Amino acid sequence: MQKQNFILYTTFISLLLPILLVQAFVPQMDIVLKINGLHSIGLDNLCLYGTFLGDGWFILAVCLVLFFYKPRIAVLILMAYLLSSGVTQALKHFVFPQFHRPLWHLESNKDFIYHLVPGTDVSYNFSFPSGHTTSAFAFFGILYFFAQNKLYRQLWMVLAFFTGFTRIYLLQHFLIDTSVGAFIGFTTAFLIHTFWYQTRKLDFILNKLKA
């Protein structure tokens, strides 16, 4: 099972690498404006609500409901979410506090043409890395490692990457913010699942709590 986890993790890295390579040749703001320029009424609504897939309150609510049906998965999701969020928030506030979000730059330069989706929760600071993207990849990453069906694994990855897409579309993050957030979240999910679930350490703790 650990070998299978490693294969699944390397599959994710193979998907992330081309996205990272693009950023070496294309300016971050050009990428943001290109994605934001795809706007339509349907995509506006899809991204406005879809971005909540990476919201902490949504993930905590899912964990609460899931705990009554799949307690191991719920606990692992919670662990992955808390750990990855802690890393991301530490980076945001203590290592890269000077990194501003796209709207901060766009509103400072009137030459830019962009589309702000009505109802967007606007932020200007603490851009790097993306918290929503980190949380989404931690959340869907755990589901990804548990999935036995290839179709489900693909679904969880699509939803995770879509969450990162919404953060750029809504002008809340650059591609580099979401890329690093995806790496942090998914790597955390991989480590949590490998070292807590596959070694049965989680079962040991849950059994102790029941005793």
Protein backbone atom coordinates (compact mmCIF):
# COMPACT_ATOMS: atom_id res chain seq x y z
CA MET A 1 0.00 0.00 0.00
CA GLN A 2 2.84 2.43 0.72
CA LYS A 3 4.21 1.76 -2.76
CA GLN A 4 0.78 2.51 -4.23
CA ASN A 5 0.65 5.76 -2.25
CA PHE A 6 4.02 6.76 -3.65
CA ILE A 7 2.83 6.05 -7.19
CA LEU A 8 -0.28 8.16 -6.63
CA TYR A 9 1.86 10.95 -5.19
CA THR A 10 4.25 10.92 -8.16
CA THR A 11 1.20 11.05 -10.46
CA PHE A 12 0.18 14.27 -8.76
CA ILE A 13 3.69 15.72 -9.09
CA SER A 14 3.65 14.88 -12.80
CA LEU A 15 0.48 16.95 -13.12
CA LEU A 16 1.88 19.85 -11.12
CA LEU A 17 5.27 20.09 -12.87
CA PRO A 18 3.97 21.47 -16.22
CA ILE A 19 2.07 24.16 -14.30
CA LEU A 20 5.26 25.12 -12.47
CA LEU A 21 7.24 25.18 -15.73
CA VAL A 22 4.77 27.56 -17.39
CA GLN A 23 5.53 30.11 -14.71
CA ALA A 24 9.20 30.20 -15.67
CA PHE A 25 8.28 31.69 -19.06
CA VAL A 26 5.04 33.62 -18.54
CA PRO A 27 4.65 36.60 -16.11
CA GLN A 28 2.33 35.92 -13.19
CA MET A 29 0.02 38.86 -13.96
CA ASP A 30 -0.36 37.73 -17.58
CA ILE A 31 -1.53 34.33 -16.34
CA VAL A 32 -4.02 35.91 -13.93
CA LEU A 33 -5.49 38.21 -16.59
CA LYS A 34 -5.69 35.36 -19.12
CA ILE A 35 -7.65 33.16 -16.71
CA ASN A 36 -9.79 36.05 -15.48
CA GLY A 37 -10.47 36.97 -19.11
CA LEU A 38 -12.37 33.71 -19.60
CA HIS A 39 -15.24 35.20 -17.58
CA SER A 40 -18.88 34.46 -18.26
CA ILE A 41 -21.99 34.51 -16.08
CA GLY A 42 -21.91 30.74 -15.70
CA LEU A 43 -18.21 30.60 -14.82
CA ASP A 44 -18.64 33.54 -12.44
CA ASN A 45 -21.22 31.63 -10.41
CA LEU A 46 -19.33 28.35 -10.62
CA CYS A 47 -16.13 29.92 -9.30
CA LEU A 48 -17.86 32.14 -6.74
CA TYR A 49 -19.38 29.12 -5.01
CA GLY A 50 -16.82 26.52 -6.05
CA THR A 51 -14.06 28.38 -4.21
CA PHE A 52 -15.73 27.34 -0.92
CA LEU A 53 -14.47 23.80 -1.54
CA GLY A 54 -11.26 25.09 0.02
CA ASP A 55 -12.92 27.01 2.84
CA GLY A 56 -12.03 25.87 6.35
CA TRP A 57 -15.60 25.94 7.62
CA PHE A 58 -16.76 23.74 4.74
CA ILE A 59 -14.03 21.18 5.42
CA LEU A 60 -14.74 21.15 9.15
CA ALA A 61 -18.45 20.63 8.45
CA VAL A 62 -17.65 17.70 6.14
CA CYS A 63 -15.38 16.21 8.83
CA LEU A 64 -18.17 16.47 11.40
CA VAL A 65 -20.70 14.66 9.21
CA LEU A 66 -18.16 12.13 7.94
CA PHE A 67 -17.08 11.26 11.48
CA PHE A 68 -20.34 9.35 12.04
CA TYR A 69 -19.85 7.22 8.92
CA LYS A 70 -16.12 7.07 8.23
CA PRO A 71 -14.35 8.23 11.42
CA ARG A 72 -10.85 7.31 10.21
CA ILE A 73 -11.20 9.36 7.04
CA ALA A 74 -12.72 12.27 8.98
CA VAL A 75 -9.85 12.32 11.48
CA LEU A 76 -7.22 12.10 8.74
CA ILE A 77 -8.84 14.94 6.79
CA LEU A 78 -8.90 17.04 9.95
CA MET A 79 -5.23 16.29 10.66
CA ALA A 80 -4.19 17.08 7.09
CA TYR A 81 -6.24 20.29 7.07
CA LEU A 82 -4.89 21.58 10.39
CA LEU A 83 -1.26 20.75 9.62
CA SER A 84 -1.26 22.13 6.07
CA SER A 85 -3.16 25.25 7.14
CA GLY A 86 -0.68 25.85 9.94
CA VAL A 87 2.24 25.68 7.51
CA THR A 88 0.50 27.94 4.99
CA GLN A 89 -0.54 30.56 7.53
CA ALA A 90 2.97 30.63 8.99
CA LEU A 91 4.40 31.24 5.53
CA LYS A 92 1.80 33.90 4.77
CA HIS A 93 2.23 35.94 7.93
CA PHE A 94 5.82 35.42 8.98
CA VAL A 95 7.88 34.53 5.91
CA PHE A 96 6.16 36.22 2.96
CA PRO A 97 3.94 38.97 4.47
CA GLN A 98 5.04 41.41 1.76
CA PHE A 99 3.43 39.37 -1.04
CA HIS A 100 0.28 41.17 -2.22
CA ARG A 101 -2.66 39.66 -4.07
CA PRO A 102 -3.50 40.39 -7.72
CA LEU A 103 -6.14 43.00 -6.92
CA TRP A 104 -3.61 45.04 -4.96
CA HIS A 105 -1.50 45.32 -8.12
CA LEU A 106 -4.44 45.71 -10.49
CA GLU A 107 -6.01 48.60 -8.58
CA SER A 108 -2.64 50.32 -8.41
CA ASN A 109 -2.36 50.34 -12.20
CA LYS A 110 -5.32 51.69 -14.15
CA ASP A 111 -3.96 50.29 -17.42
CA PHE A 112 -5.09 46.78 -16.49
CA ILE A 113 -8.48 45.57 -17.70
CA TYR A 114 -10.01 42.89 -15.48
CA HIS A 115 -13.32 41.43 -14.33
CA LEU A 116 -14.22 41.38 -10.65
CA VAL A 117 -16.96 38.84 -9.96
CA PRO A 118 -19.80 40.43 -7.93
CA GLY A 119 -19.92 38.98 -4.42
CA THR A 120 -16.23 38.08 -4.31
CA ASP A 121 -14.69 38.21 -0.84
CA VAL A 122 -11.89 40.64 -1.73
CA SER A 123 -8.46 40.48 -0.11
CA TYR A 124 -5.29 42.40 -0.92
CA ASN A 125 -2.55 41.02 1.31
CA PHE A 126 -0.96 37.71 2.39
CA SER A 127 -1.05 36.21 -1.08
CA PHE A 128 1.59 33.50 -0.86
CA PRO A 129 0.73 30.65 -0.64
CA SER A 130 -2.99 30.18 -1.25
CA GLY A 131 -4.81 28.95 1.86
CA HIS A 132 -7.93 27.78 0.02
CA THR A 133 -5.87 25.78 -2.45
CA THR A 134 -3.78 24.25 0.33
CA SER A 135 -6.90 23.17 2.23
CA ALA A 136 -8.59 21.80 -0.89
CA PHE A 137 -5.60 19.63 -1.79
CA ALA A 138 -5.25 18.41 1.80
CA PHE A 139 -8.97 17.54 1.88
CA PHE A 140 -9.31 15.97 -1.56
CA GLY A 141 -5.85 14.45 -1.20
CA ILE A 142 -7.00 12.24 1.66
CA LEU A 143 -10.04 11.18 -0.36
CA TYR A 144 -7.74 10.55 -3.32
CA PHE A 145 -5.52 8.16 -1.36
CA PHE A 146 -8.53 6.27 -0.01
CA ALA A 147 -10.23 5.93 -3.41
CA GLN A 148 -10.07 2.46 -4.91
CA ASN A 149 -11.79 3.53 -8.11
CA LYS A 150 -9.75 5.40 -10.73
CA LEU A 151 -12.78 7.52 -11.63
CA TYR A 152 -13.10 8.77 -8.04
CA ARG A 153 -9.40 9.59 -7.88
CA GLN A 154 -9.77 11.66 -11.04
CA LEU A 155 -12.84 13.40 -9.62
CA TRP A 156 -11.05 14.40 -6.40
CA MET A 157 -8.10 15.76 -8.39
CA VAL A 158 -10.36 17.73 -10.72
CA LEU A 159 -12.15 19.32 -7.76
CA ALA A 160 -8.85 20.17 -6.05
CA PHE A 161 -7.36 21.75 -9.17
CA PHE A 162 -10.64 23.55 -9.86
CA THR A 163 -10.48 25.14 -6.40
CA GLY A 164 -7.04 26.51 -7.24
CA PHE A 165 -8.41 27.76 -10.57
CA THR A 166 -11.20 29.67 -8.81
CA ARG A 167 -8.68 31.54 -6.65
CA ILE A 168 -6.95 32.88 -9.76
CA TYR A 169 -10.20 33.53 -11.65
CA LEU A 170 -11.54 35.55 -8.71
CA LEU A 171 -8.28 37.59 -8.65
CA GLN A 172 -7.43 36.39 -5.16
CA HIS A 173 -4.15 34.62 -6.00
CA PHE A 174 -1.40 34.21 -8.55
CA LEU A 175 -0.63 30.85 -10.12
CA ILE A 176 2.52 30.52 -8.01
CA ASP A 177 0.40 30.94 -4.85
CA THR A 178 -1.95 28.13 -5.85
CA SER A 179 0.85 25.88 -7.14
CA VAL A 180 2.75 26.01 -3.85
CA GLY A 181 -0.50 25.68 -1.92
CA ALA A 182 -1.35 22.56 -3.92
CA PHE A 183 2.07 21.09 -3.18
CA ILE A 184 1.80 21.79 0.56
CA GLY A 185 -1.74 20.44 0.84
CA PHE A 186 -1.23 17.29 -1.18
CA THR A 187 2.13 16.49 0.35
CA THR A 188 0.57 16.83 3.81
CA ALA A 189 -2.25 14.47 2.80
CA PHE A 190 0.30 11.97 1.48
CA LEU A 191 2.36 12.07 4.69
CA ILE A 192 -0.67 11.91 6.99
CA HIS A 193 -2.22 8.96 5.14
CA THR A 194 1.08 7.09 4.87
CA PHE A 195 2.34 7.51 8.43
CA TRP A 196 -0.93 7.60 10.39
CA TYR A 197 -3.25 5.31 8.49
CA GLN A 198 -1.03 2.73 6.78
CA THR A 199 1.10 2.17 9.89
CA ARG A 200 -2.15 1.74 11.88
CA LYS A 201 -1.10 4.39 14.39
CA LEU A 202 -4.50 6.04 13.97
CA ASP A 203 -6.31 2.77 14.71
CA PHE A 204 -4.24 2.38 17.85
CA ILE A 205 -5.22 5.85 19.09
CA LEU A 206 -8.92 5.43 18.20
CA ASN A 207 -9.04 2.07 19.99
CA LYS A 208 -7.46 3.64 23.06
CA LEU A 209 -10.12 6.36 23.05
CA LYS A 210 -12.87 3.75 22.85
CA ALA A 211 -11.42 1.72 25.72
